[in-house]
Protein backbone atom coordinates (compact mmCIF):
# COMPACT_ATOMS: atom_id res chain seq x y z
CA UNK A 1 25.16 -29.51 -11.47
CA UNK A 2 27.87 -26.94 -12.06
CA UNK A 3 30.63 -27.68 -14.53
CA UNK A 4 33.74 -29.06 -12.87
CA UNK A 5 36.32 -26.35 -12.24
CA UNK A 6 39.36 -26.49 -14.45
CA UNK A 7 42.48 -26.71 -12.34
CA UNK A 8 45.67 -26.43 -14.37
CA UNK A 9 47.26 -29.47 -12.80
CA UNK A 10 50.60 -29.28 -14.59
CA UNK A 11 51.07 -25.61 -13.75
CA UNK A 12 49.95 -26.08 -10.14
CA UNK A 13 52.20 -29.12 -9.69
CA UNK A 14 55.24 -27.41 -11.18
CA UNK A 15 54.85 -24.34 -8.98
CA UNK A 16 54.34 -26.33 -5.78
CA UNK A 17 57.26 -28.66 -6.47
CA UNK A 18 59.59 -25.68 -6.84
CA UNK A 19 58.42 -24.34 -3.46
CA UNK A 20 57.83 -27.50 -1.44
CA UNK A 21 59.70 -30.39 -3.04
CA UNK A 22 58.13 -33.86 -3.16
CA UNK A 23 56.32 -36.08 -2.44
CA UNK A 24 53.22 -33.93 -2.16
CA UNK A 25 49.61 -34.92 -1.55
CA UNK A 26 47.31 -32.16 -2.83
CA UNK A 27 43.71 -31.79 -1.66
CA UNK A 28 41.48 -29.55 -3.77
CA UNK A 29 38.72 -27.82 -1.83
CA UNK A 30 36.79 -26.94 -4.98
CA UNK A 31 36.75 -30.56 -6.12
CA UNK A 32 35.64 -31.78 -2.70
CA UNK A 33 32.67 -29.43 -2.92
CA UNK A 34 32.02 -30.40 -6.53
CA UNK A 35 31.80 -34.05 -5.56
CA UNK A 36 29.30 -33.23 -2.81
CA UNK A 37 27.23 -31.20 -5.25
CA UNK A 38 27.42 -34.00 -7.83
CA UNK A 39 26.18 -36.57 -5.33
CA UNK A 40 23.33 -34.33 -4.18
CA UNK A 41 22.33 -33.59 -7.77
CA UNK A 42 22.35 -37.21 -8.94
CA UNK A 43 20.68 -38.60 -5.79
CA UNK A 44 18.69 -35.65 -4.41
CA UNK A 45 16.63 -37.79 -2.01
CA UNK A 46 19.74 -39.26 -0.36
CA UNK A 47 21.70 -37.55 2.43
CA UNK A 48 25.42 -38.37 2.25
CA UNK A 49 27.28 -39.43 5.39
CA UNK A 50 30.95 -39.31 4.44
CA UNK A 51 32.83 -42.53 5.26
CA UNK A 52 35.79 -41.17 7.22
CA UNK A 53 37.87 -44.27 6.57
CA UNK A 54 38.35 -43.14 2.96
CA UNK A 55 40.41 -40.13 4.00
CA UNK A 56 40.26 -38.56 7.45
CA UNK A 57 42.44 -35.51 6.86
CA UNK A 58 41.15 -32.61 8.93
CA UNK A 59 40.92 -30.28 5.93
CA UNK A 60 38.55 -32.70 4.20
CA UNK A 61 36.46 -33.14 7.34
CA UNK A 62 36.19 -29.40 7.94
CA UNK A 63 35.16 -28.84 4.32
CA UNK A 64 32.43 -31.46 4.55
CA UNK A 65 31.16 -30.16 7.91
CA UNK A 66 30.71 -26.72 6.36
CA UNK A 67 28.98 -28.35 3.39
CA UNK A 68 26.41 -29.81 5.80
CA UNK A 69 26.85 -33.51 5.21
CA UNK A 70 26.97 -36.28 7.80
CA UNK A 71 29.68 -38.75 8.73
CA UNK A 72 29.98 -42.52 8.84
CA UNK A 73 32.24 -43.24 11.83
CA UNK A 74 33.68 -46.53 13.05
CA UNK A 75 35.67 -45.80 16.21
CA UNK A 76 36.10 -43.54 19.23
CA UNK A 77 38.80 -41.59 17.43
CA UNK A 78 36.67 -40.93 14.36
CA UNK A 79 33.70 -39.83 16.47
CA UNK A 80 35.85 -37.63 18.68
CA UNK A 81 37.63 -36.03 15.72
CA UNK A 82 34.54 -34.87 13.81
CA UNK A 83 32.65 -33.85 16.92
CA UNK A 84 35.55 -31.64 18.04
CA UNK A 85 35.67 -30.14 14.53
CA UNK A 86 32.02 -29.10 14.85
CA UNK A 87 29.90 -31.97 13.53
CA UNK A 88 26.62 -32.57 15.36
CA UNK A 89 25.93 -35.93 17.05
CA UNK A 90 22.75 -36.23 14.97
CA UNK A 91 24.89 -36.10 11.82
CA UNK A 92 26.86 -39.21 12.73
CA UNK A 93 26.12 -42.87 12.14
CA UNK A 94 28.22 -45.40 14.06
CA UNK A 95 28.35 -47.82 11.14
CA UNK A 96 30.84 -50.38 12.40
CA UNK A 97 28.80 -53.52 13.08
CA UNK A 98 31.41 -54.80 15.57
CA UNK A 99 31.75 -52.07 18.21
CA UNK A 100 33.95 -52.11 21.29
CA UNK A 101 32.01 -51.67 24.57
CA UNK A 102 33.98 -48.52 25.40
CA UNK A 103 33.16 -47.09 21.97
CA UNK A 104 29.46 -47.67 22.62
CA UNK A 105 29.72 -45.93 25.97
CA UNK A 106 31.57 -43.05 24.28
CA UNK A 107 28.82 -42.75 21.66
CA UNK A 108 26.08 -42.79 24.29
CA UNK A 109 27.81 -40.13 26.38
CA UNK A 110 28.03 -37.85 23.34
CA UNK A 111 24.50 -38.58 22.12
CA UNK A 112 25.53 -40.39 18.95
CA UNK A 113 22.38 -42.49 18.80
CA UNK A 114 22.24 -43.98 15.30
CA UNK A 115 24.20 -47.20 14.67
CA UNK A 116 24.18 -50.44 12.71
CA UNK A 117 24.21 -54.08 13.82
CA UNK A 118 24.12 -57.48 12.12
CA UNK A 119 23.88 -60.03 14.94
CA UNK A 120 22.02 -60.79 18.13
CA UNK A 121 25.30 -60.60 20.07
CA UNK A 122 25.77 -57.00 18.93
CA UNK A 123 22.25 -56.10 20.02
CA UNK A 124 22.90 -57.27 23.58
CA UNK A 125 26.11 -55.24 23.63
CA UNK A 126 24.37 -52.10 22.35
CA UNK A 127 21.49 -52.49 24.79
CA UNK A 128 23.93 -52.79 27.69
CA UNK A 129 26.35 -49.97 26.83
CA UNK A 130 24.23 -47.58 24.73
CA UNK A 131 20.62 -48.18 25.84
CA UNK A 132 17.87 -46.59 23.79
CA UNK A 133 19.97 -46.32 20.63
CA UNK A 134 18.41 -46.20 17.17
CA UNK A 135 19.59 -49.26 15.25
CA UNK A 136 19.67 -50.26 11.60
CA UNK A 137 19.92 -53.92 10.65
CA UNK A 138 22.73 -54.38 8.14
CA UNK A 139 21.81 -57.15 5.72
CA UNK A 140 24.05 -59.26 3.54
CA UNK A 141 23.66 -58.30 -0.12
CA UNK A 142 25.30 -59.16 -3.47
CA UNK A 143 28.82 -57.74 -3.96
CA UNK A 144 29.37 -59.19 -7.43
CA UNK A 145 31.89 -57.14 -9.40
CA UNK A 146 32.94 -54.89 -6.52
CA UNK A 147 36.67 -54.32 -6.11
CA UNK A 148 36.40 -54.78 -2.32
CA UNK A 149 33.98 -57.51 -1.18
CA UNK A 150 32.34 -56.57 2.13
CA UNK A 151 29.58 -59.14 2.54
CA UNK A 152 32.17 -61.76 3.48
CA UNK A 153 32.64 -60.05 6.83
CA UNK A 154 29.44 -58.11 7.46
CA UNK A 155 25.69 -58.43 7.14
CA UNK A 156 22.90 -60.57 8.54
CA UNK A 157 20.97 -62.89 6.25
CA UNK A 158 17.92 -60.97 4.98
CA UNK A 159 15.62 -63.74 6.27
CA UNK A 160 16.89 -63.00 9.80
CA UNK A 161 16.35 -59.25 9.59
CA UNK A 162 12.81 -59.15 10.96
CA UNK A 163 13.46 -61.39 14.00
CA UNK A 164 16.53 -59.30 14.84
CA UNK A 165 14.59 -56.04 14.56
CA UNK A 166 11.91 -57.45 16.86
CA UNK A 167 14.65 -58.52 19.26
CA UNK A 168 16.04 -54.98 19.22
CA UNK A 169 12.59 -53.66 20.19
CA UNK A 170 12.33 -56.12 23.07
CA UNK A 171 15.75 -55.01 24.33
CA UNK A 172 14.58 -51.39 24.59
CA UNK A 173 16.34 -50.21 21.45
CA UNK A 174 14.63 -48.38 18.61
CA UNK A 175 14.66 -50.46 15.41
CA UNK A 176 14.81 -47.66 12.86
CA UNK A 177 15.60 -49.22 9.52
CA UNK A 178 17.77 -51.23 7.16
CA UNK A 179 21.36 -50.81 6.02
CA UNK A 180 23.42 -52.54 3.34
CA UNK A 181 26.73 -52.15 1.48
CA UNK A 182 27.33 -53.54 -2.01
CA UNK A 183 31.13 -53.45 -1.73
CA UNK A 184 33.64 -50.75 -2.55
CA UNK A 185 34.13 -49.41 -6.11
CA UNK A 186 31.05 -51.29 -7.24
CA UNK A 187 30.41 -50.98 -10.96
CA UNK A 188 27.54 -53.46 -11.03
CA UNK A 189 24.26 -51.59 -10.64
CA UNK A 190 22.44 -54.90 -10.19
CA UNK A 191 23.97 -55.10 -6.71
CA UNK A 192 22.11 -51.94 -5.71
CA UNK A 193 18.87 -52.91 -7.42
CA UNK A 194 18.75 -56.34 -5.77
CA UNK A 195 19.64 -54.82 -2.39
CA UNK A 196 16.91 -52.21 -2.65
CA UNK A 197 14.37 -54.94 -3.41
CA UNK A 198 15.48 -56.89 -0.34
CA UNK A 199 15.28 -53.82 1.85
CA UNK A 200 11.80 -52.90 0.59
CA UNK A 201 10.53 -56.38 1.49
CA UNK A 202 11.83 -55.94 5.03
CA UNK A 203 10.18 -52.50 5.24
CA UNK A 204 6.85 -54.00 4.13
CA UNK A 205 7.14 -56.89 6.56
CA UNK A 206 7.98 -54.55 9.44
CA UNK A 207 4.92 -52.45 8.68
CA UNK A 208 2.69 -55.53 8.79
CA UNK A 209 4.15 -56.47 12.16
CA UNK A 210 3.41 -53.01 13.60
CA UNK A 211 7.11 -52.10 13.68
CA UNK A 212 7.31 -49.41 10.99
CA UNK A 213 10.80 -48.44 9.85
CA UNK A 214 11.87 -44.92 8.95
CA UNK A 215 15.49 -45.04 7.69
CA UNK A 216 17.13 -46.73 4.71
CA UNK A 217 20.93 -46.63 4.51
CA UNK A 218 22.14 -47.64 1.03
CA UNK A 219 25.78 -47.70 2.14
CA UNK A 220 28.71 -46.71 -0.05
CA UNK A 221 30.67 -48.29 -2.86
CA UNK A 222 29.77 -45.65 -5.44
CA UNK A 223 32.46 -45.89 -8.11
CA UNK A 224 34.77 -43.27 -9.58
CA UNK A 225 36.86 -43.33 -12.72
CA UNK A 226 40.61 -43.63 -12.26
CA UNK A 227 41.59 -42.96 -15.87
CA UNK A 228 40.65 -40.00 -18.03
CA UNK A 229 39.92 -42.51 -20.81
CA UNK A 230 37.10 -44.17 -18.85
CA UNK A 231 33.49 -43.06 -18.64
CA UNK A 232 32.12 -41.99 -15.27
CA UNK A 233 30.43 -45.16 -13.95
CA UNK A 234 28.46 -43.32 -11.27
CA UNK A 235 26.24 -41.34 -13.66
CA UNK A 236 24.13 -44.23 -15.09
CA UNK A 237 24.21 -46.06 -11.75
CA UNK A 238 22.78 -43.09 -9.87
CA UNK A 239 19.96 -42.80 -12.40
CA UNK A 240 18.85 -46.40 -11.77
CA UNK A 241 19.16 -46.04 -7.99
CA UNK A 242 17.11 -42.84 -8.02
CA UNK A 243 14.28 -44.50 -9.95
CA UNK A 244 14.21 -47.57 -7.70
CA UNK A 245 14.16 -45.50 -4.52
CA UNK A 246 11.15 -43.62 -5.81
CA UNK A 247 9.39 -46.84 -6.86
CA UNK A 248 10.05 -48.91 -3.76
CA UNK A 249 9.99 -46.53 -0.80
CA UNK A 250 7.50 -44.08 0.64
CA UNK A 251 8.60 -40.42 0.47
CA UNK A 252 8.49 -40.32 4.27
CA UNK A 253 11.45 -42.73 4.52
CA UNK A 254 14.72 -41.00 5.30
CA UNK A 255 17.33 -42.25 2.85
CA UNK A 256 21.01 -41.96 3.62
CA UNK A 257 24.28 -43.24 2.14
CA UNK A 258 27.90 -43.64 3.19
CA UNK A 259 29.99 -42.38 0.25
CA UNK A 260 33.72 -42.25 0.84
CA UNK A 261 35.62 -42.89 -2.36
CA UNK A 262 33.26 -40.94 -4.61
CA UNK A 263 33.65 -37.79 -2.48
CA UNK A 264 37.35 -37.90 -1.61
CA UNK A 265 38.79 -39.89 -4.51
CA UNK A 266 38.62 -37.35 -7.37
CA UNK A 267 39.66 -34.50 -5.08
CA UNK A 268 43.35 -35.30 -4.54
CA UNK A 269 46.62 -35.51 -6.49
CA UNK A 270 49.87 -37.24 -5.53
CA UNK A 271 53.08 -35.67 -6.84
CA UNK A 272 56.37 -37.58 -6.90
CA UNK A 273 59.91 -37.23 -8.21
CA UNK A 274 62.12 -39.76 -9.98
CA UNK A 275 65.00 -40.29 -7.53
CA UNK A 276 66.65 -43.29 -9.21
CA UNK A 277 66.90 -44.95 -12.59
CA UNK A 278 68.20 -48.26 -13.94
CA UNK A 279 67.77 -50.83 -16.71
CA UNK A 280 66.80 -54.29 -15.51
CA UNK A 281 65.93 -57.18 -17.86
CA UNK A 282 66.08 -54.75 -20.82
CA UNK A 283 63.43 -52.49 -19.29
CA UNK A 284 63.67 -49.04 -17.75
CA UNK A 285 63.05 -48.87 -14.01
CA UNK A 286 62.28 -45.58 -12.29
CA UNK A 287 62.43 -45.26 -8.52
CA UNK A 288 60.10 -42.64 -7.06
CA UNK A 289 60.10 -40.87 -3.69
CA UNK A 290 56.74 -42.38 -2.72
CA UNK A 291 55.48 -45.92 -3.04
CA UNK A 292 53.24 -48.67 -1.72
CA UNK A 293 54.29 -48.02 1.88
CA UNK A 294 53.25 -44.40 1.40
CA UNK A 295 50.42 -42.73 -0.49
CA UNK A 296 50.33 -45.54 -3.05
CA UNK A 297 49.34 -47.95 -0.28
CA UNK A 298 46.00 -48.22 -2.06
CA UNK A 299 47.71 -50.58 -4.50
CA UNK A 300 47.98 -53.08 -1.64
CA UNK A 301 44.91 -52.34 0.49
CA UNK A 302 42.46 -51.09 -2.14
CA UNK A 303 43.59 -52.88 -5.31
CA UNK A 304 44.14 -49.41 -6.75
CA UNK A 305 44.90 -49.07 -10.44
CA UNK A 306 46.13 -45.53 -10.93
CA UNK A 307 47.09 -43.53 -14.00
CA UNK A 308 50.63 -42.12 -13.88
CA UNK A 309 51.26 -38.86 -15.72
CA UNK A 310 54.51 -37.06 -16.55
CA UNK A 311 55.58 -33.65 -17.83
CA UNK A 312 58.12 -34.99 -20.33
CA UNK A 313 57.21 -35.93 -23.90
CA UNK A 314 58.83 -38.52 -26.13
CA UNK A 315 58.60 -42.04 -27.49
CA UNK A 316 56.87 -44.22 -24.95
CA UNK A 317 58.30 -47.45 -23.59
CA UNK A 318 56.94 -50.12 -21.26
CA UNK A 319 58.57 -49.30 -17.92
CA UNK A 320 58.53 -50.28 -14.27
CA UNK A 321 57.87 -47.84 -11.42
CA UNK A 322 59.09 -48.61 -7.92
CA UNK A 323 58.97 -46.91 -4.54
CA UNK A 324 61.85 -45.65 -2.36
CA UNK A 325 61.91 -48.32 0.35
CA UNK A 326 64.33 -51.26 0.68
CA UNK A 327 61.54 -53.82 0.25
CA UNK A 328 60.95 -55.61 -3.07
CA UNK A 329 57.22 -55.45 -2.34
CA UNK A 330 57.52 -51.74 -3.04
CA UNK A 331 56.95 -52.04 -6.79
CA UNK A 332 54.28 -49.67 -8.03
CA UNK A 333 53.73 -50.97 -11.57
CA UNK A 334 55.58 -53.23 -14.00
CA UNK A 335 53.86 -52.11 -17.21
CA UNK A 336 53.53 -48.35 -17.52
CA UNK A 337 53.76 -46.84 -21.01
CA UNK A 338 55.94 -43.77 -20.44
CA UNK A 339 58.59 -41.72 -22.27
CA UNK A 340 62.16 -42.07 -21.05
CA UNK A 341 62.52 -40.13 -17.82
CA UNK A 342 65.46 -38.57 -16.03
CA UNK A 343 66.28 -38.26 -12.35
CA UNK A 344 64.43 -35.21 -11.07
CA UNK A 345 61.44 -35.61 -13.40
CA UNK A 346 57.94 -35.35 -11.94
CA UNK A 347 55.26 -38.06 -11.97
CA UNK A 348 51.77 -37.33 -10.66
CA UNK A 349 48.58 -39.28 -10.02
CA UNK A 350 45.06 -37.85 -9.98
CA UNK A 351 41.94 -39.38 -8.38
CA UNK A 352 43.98 -40.72 -5.47
CA UNK A 353 42.12 -39.17 -2.54
CA UNK A 354 40.61 -42.38 -1.13
CA UNK A 355 42.42 -45.18 0.71
CA UNK A 356 45.88 -43.76 -0.03
CA UNK A 357 47.34 -41.09 2.25
CA UNK A 358 45.18 -42.41 5.10
CA UNK A 359 46.91 -45.82 5.00
CA UNK A 360 50.44 -44.50 4.43
CA UNK A 361 53.18 -45.57 6.87
CA UNK A 362 56.63 -44.44 8.02
CA UNK A 363 58.26 -47.69 6.91
CA UNK A 364 62.06 -47.46 6.51
CA UNK A 365 61.89 -44.08 8.24
CA UNK A 366 60.41 -42.53 5.11
CA UNK A 367 57.64 -40.08 6.10
CA UNK A 368 54.33 -39.85 4.23
CA UNK A 369 53.85 -37.22 1.55
CA UNK A 370 53.38 -33.64 2.69
CA UNK A 371 49.72 -32.64 2.50
CA UNK A 372 48.79 -29.30 0.98
CA UNK A 373 45.32 -27.81 0.50
CA UNK A 374 44.73 -26.05 -2.81
CA UNK A 375 41.74 -24.28 -4.32
């Protein structure tokens, strides 16, 4: 794995702010490619299918298409977008377990054949609107310690997996394998290890029943570090996953994953300006030109805990950061340790590429941050 490129963030930010103003959302092509290379190096037997929901900016999608990875799509719009950008139908997995009938017909018409399901009702729908599809049973697995719990809403009980796969076969579908998701920003490797054990049992059972499976989808949830003071949690996790995959599954099994955060997250930077300042309850408040209704929406939707950096030096004080809207919900943080800032000062956030810009709104008539691609 190549050493991560050194981008002079402070210099790059300062130059772009002078030219473009703020707020800015910067996407680094080199870091996108570095994250792909990192994933492929740490899990060489796993093909990544980028989860578009993490960040669907066209620049990111084009970069990943050229890098030769697949895509986890969940809607007509996501399918249509990547296909028009040049992705192949065979490189897509329709991984939403609750699919609209028209979305299934759209997938079938464009030869997107691989998809997930977790109920008998979904199987009937797939068989009717996308006959002959290859299907993966998504099973319910442990999500302990994950920031976003996904097994509450998705996943069949593992004990029901085999009957559902047999049902898929009887409906004229091709039962191709098993899928699971341990939850987003999962730092508990035991979730993966337990899930792999469950999946291997289903694979063995299917083989005994003359219904051999060929695909294992280990989902997403691979964690990133949000602070430079933290260790990278993905490195030891990937090592354990790699060993278990080798131990539990035949080399002929195609293994795929749906990374979103770990590919897009470390690749983007948000740049903001202090546009207001006050003292409230004996504490400095700084009002920024982006907030939780904008690119910091991950604070609400993703439980994001970002690290805020400034150019100015000085004695640090516990301060509050707030966004530009007229809503009191728009408070970014109430306990940041920062030097005293002035109106016009810059604050920036790294590792903010996932579940941020993509969920930004135009609330209060304030547009989302301007997106710029950098090297």
